[in-house]
Structure formats: C-alpha cells, structure tokens
Amino acid sequence: MTLRSILTCTTITLILGVAAPSIAADTAPTPAAYAQQTDVYAMPVGDLEIVSLSDGTVPQNLHKLLTGTTAAEVDDLLKDAFQVNPVDFH
C-alpha cells in the first residue's frame, strides 16, 4: 500500500465515522413539536393537527356588557383580577 492509498482510506473512514451518526440522526423519526407561538395554537387530535389562529384582541366595555350589576361591582371584580375596564378579549 502506498501512502496515498492509506491517507485516502483514513480520510474516507473519518468522514463516514463523523457523518454517519449525523445522517442517521437527521433521518430518524421525531415526534412533532407543538411549541406554542404568539397567537398560533396547535394541538394533535389523532392523525390530525388542529391549528387555531388569533389576529388580535377586542376591547369590551364590561359596564355596558354585563347587566344586572353596578359599575362599582364590576370594577371591584376587575380590580381583584388585576384588570381595568375596558377588558381586551381574544
């Protein structure tokens, strides 16, 4: 064997030794990642993936929306929940 053939075999062996595990890792099946992003919610249901999108919020004046109560009572409940009127709903 010549020095050139030894170096060639060594190089090929090193390349395959380093690349083979990474190639195998790339082709291995991985579970779907369901990381939540802002305003995009994905959840697997059987073989389907259900995606819900939100395009923003809608401010609601609870003093007008809630009937049978007073504005002071609504404000007290909002204060307990660290909210103020109007409340943004998704």
C-alpha atoms as a PDB file:
ATOM      1  CA  MET A   1       0.000   0.000   0.000  1.00  0.00           C
ATOM      2  CA  THR A   2       1.175   3.445  -0.803  1.00  0.00           C
ATOM      3  CA  LEU A   3       0.983   6.426   1.476  1.00  0.00           C
ATOM      4  CA  ARG A   4      -1.638   7.950  -0.793  1.00  0.00           C
ATOM      5  CA  SER A   5      -3.985   4.942  -0.530  1.00  0.00           C
ATOM      6  CA  ILE A   6      -3.547   4.835   3.261  1.00  0.00           C
ATOM      7  CA  LEU A   7      -4.420   8.531   3.543  1.00  0.00           C
ATOM      8  CA  THR A   8      -7.413   8.069   1.232  1.00  0.00           C
ATOM      9  CA  CYS A   9      -8.758   5.136   3.259  1.00  0.00           C
ATOM     10  CA  THR A  10      -8.191   7.012   6.521  1.00  0.00           C
ATOM     11  CA  THR A  11      -9.950  10.109   5.196  1.00  0.00           C
ATOM     12  CA  ILE A  12     -12.943   8.112   3.964  1.00  0.00           C
ATOM     13  CA  THR A  13     -13.161   6.263   7.277  1.00  0.00           C
ATOM     14  CA  LEU A  14     -13.059   9.518   9.244  1.00  0.00           C
ATOM     15  CA  ILE A  15     -15.674  11.154   7.038  1.00  0.00           C
ATOM     16  CA  LEU A  16     -18.028   8.197   7.340  1.00  0.00           C
ATOM     17  CA  GLY A  17     -17.389   7.905  11.059  1.00  0.00           C
ATOM     18  CA  VAL A  18     -18.256  11.543  11.651  1.00  0.00           C
ATOM     19  CA  ALA A  19     -21.036  11.935   9.078  1.00  0.00           C
ATOM     20  CA  ALA A  20     -22.885   8.646   9.590  1.00  0.00           C
ATOM     21  CA  PRO A  21     -24.241   9.416  13.077  1.00  0.00           C
ATOM     22  CA  SER A  22     -25.433  12.849  11.992  1.00  0.00           C
ATOM     23  CA  ILE A  23     -27.068  11.430   8.859  1.00  0.00           C
ATOM     24  CA  ALA A  24     -28.794   8.758  10.933  1.00  0.00           C
ATOM     25  CA  ALA A  25     -29.956  11.368  13.439  1.00  0.00           C
ATOM     26  CA  ASP A  26     -31.422  13.518  10.661  1.00  0.00           C
ATOM     27  CA  THR A  27     -33.446  10.665   9.192  1.00  0.00           C
ATOM     28  CA  ALA A  28     -34.737   9.294  12.487  1.00  0.00           C
ATOM     29  CA  PRO A  29     -38.435   9.950  13.001  1.00  0.00           C
ATOM     30  CA  THR A  30     -39.065  12.587  15.618  1.00  0.00           C
ATOM     31  CA  PRO A  31     -42.313  13.420  17.353  1.00  0.00           C
ATOM     32  CA  ALA A  32     -43.999  16.576  16.174  1.00  0.00           C
ATOM     33  CA  ALA A  33     -43.058  19.554  18.291  1.00  0.00           C
ATOM     34  CA  TYR A  34     -46.034  21.574  19.421  1.00  0.00           C
ATOM     35  CA  ALA A  35     -44.316  24.669  20.742  1.00  0.00           C
ATOM     36  CA  GLN A  36     -46.751  27.489  21.236  1.00  0.00           C
ATOM     37  CA  GLN A  37     -46.116  30.675  19.336  1.00  0.00           C
ATOM     38  CA  THR A  38     -47.775  34.009  19.771  1.00  0.00           C
ATOM     39  CA  ASP A  39     -51.369  33.855  18.530  1.00  0.00           C
ATOM     40  CA  VAL A  40     -50.906  30.383  16.991  1.00  0.00           C
ATOM     41  CA  TYR A  41     -52.033  27.317  18.900  1.00  0.00           C
ATOM     42  CA  ALA A  42     -51.557  23.793  17.526  1.00  0.00           C
ATOM     43  CA  MET A  43     -52.700  20.549  19.092  1.00  0.00           C
ATOM     44  CA  PRO A  44     -52.672  16.991  17.744  1.00  0.00           C
ATOM     45  CA  VAL A  45     -56.000  15.175  17.640  1.00  0.00           C
ATOM     46  CA  GLY A  46     -55.443  11.643  16.407  1.00  0.00           C
ATOM     47  CA  ASP A  47     -53.825  11.859  12.975  1.00  0.00           C
ATOM     48  CA  LEU A  48     -54.862  15.493  12.549  1.00  0.00           C
ATOM     49  CA  GLU A  49     -53.239  18.693  13.700  1.00  0.00           C
ATOM     50  CA  ILE A  50     -55.727  21.334  14.818  1.00  0.00           C
ATOM     51  CA  VAL A  51     -54.453  24.911  14.452  1.00  0.00           C
ATOM     52  CA  SER A  52     -56.135  27.940  15.973  1.00  0.00           C
ATOM     53  CA  LEU A  53     -55.145  31.452  14.933  1.00  0.00           C
ATOM     54  CA  SER A  54     -55.777  34.715  16.730  1.00  0.00           C
ATOM     55  CA  ASP A  55     -55.485  38.025  14.935  1.00  0.00           C
ATOM     56  CA  GLY A  56     -55.730  40.253  17.976  1.00  0.00           C
ATOM     57  CA  THR A  57     -57.959  41.390  20.774  1.00  0.00           C
ATOM     58  CA  VAL A  58     -61.273  43.195  21.055  1.00  0.00           C
ATOM     59  CA  PRO A  59     -61.712  45.727  23.867  1.00  0.00           C
ATOM     60  CA  GLN A  60     -65.020  45.197  25.703  1.00  0.00           C
ATOM     61  CA  ASN A  61     -66.692  47.719  27.971  1.00  0.00           C
ATOM     62  CA  LEU A  62     -67.950  45.456  30.748  1.00  0.00           C
ATOM     63  CA  HIS A  63     -70.108  48.209  32.242  1.00  0.00           C
ATOM     64  CA  LYS A  64     -72.309  48.026  29.138  1.00  0.00           C
ATOM     65  CA  LEU A  65     -71.925  44.291  28.524  1.00  0.00           C
ATOM     66  CA  LEU A  66     -72.829  42.989  31.985  1.00  0.00           C
ATOM     67  CA  THR A  67     -76.405  43.599  33.064  1.00  0.00           C
ATOM     68  CA  GLY A  68     -77.971  43.169  36.483  1.00  0.00           C
ATOM     69  CA  THR A  69     -74.951  44.630  38.261  1.00  0.00           C
ATOM     70  CA  THR A  70     -73.439  48.008  39.007  1.00  0.00           C
ATOM     71  CA  ALA A  71     -70.344  49.594  37.531  1.00  0.00           C
ATOM     72  CA  ALA A  72     -68.779  49.700  41.012  1.00  0.00           C
ATOM     73  CA  GLU A  73     -69.287  45.950  41.481  1.00  0.00           C
ATOM     74  CA  VAL A  74     -67.761  45.238  38.062  1.00  0.00           C
ATOM     75  CA  ASP A  75     -64.801  47.490  38.867  1.00  0.00           C
ATOM     76  CA  ASP A  76     -64.254  45.703  42.205  1.00  0.00           C
ATOM     77  CA  LEU A  77     -64.214  42.310  40.480  1.00  0.00           C
ATOM     78  CA  LEU A  78     -61.863  43.607  37.791  1.00  0.00           C
ATOM     79  CA  LYS A  79     -59.574  45.043  40.466  1.00  0.00           C
ATOM     80  CA  ASP A  80     -59.414  41.611  42.148  1.00  0.00           C
ATOM     81  CA  ALA A  81     -58.341  40.139  38.787  1.00  0.00           C
ATOM     82  CA  PHE A  82     -55.780  42.931  38.185  1.00  0.00           C
ATOM     83  CA  GLN A  83     -57.796  44.212  35.213  1.00  0.00           C
ATOM     84  CA  VAL A  84     -59.350  47.543  34.289  1.00  0.00           C
ATOM     85  CA  ASN A  85     -62.322  48.410  32.137  1.00  0.00           C
ATOM     86  CA  PRO A  86     -62.367  48.054  29.103  1.00  0.00           C
ATOM     87  CA  VAL A  87     -61.005  44.492  29.060  1.00  0.00           C
ATOM     88  CA  ASP A  88     -59.299  43.051  25.970  1.00  0.00           C
ATOM     89  CA  PHE A  89     -60.741  39.697  24.868  1.00  0.00           C
ATOM     90  CA  HIS A  90     -59.020  37.304  22.467  1.00  0.00           C
END
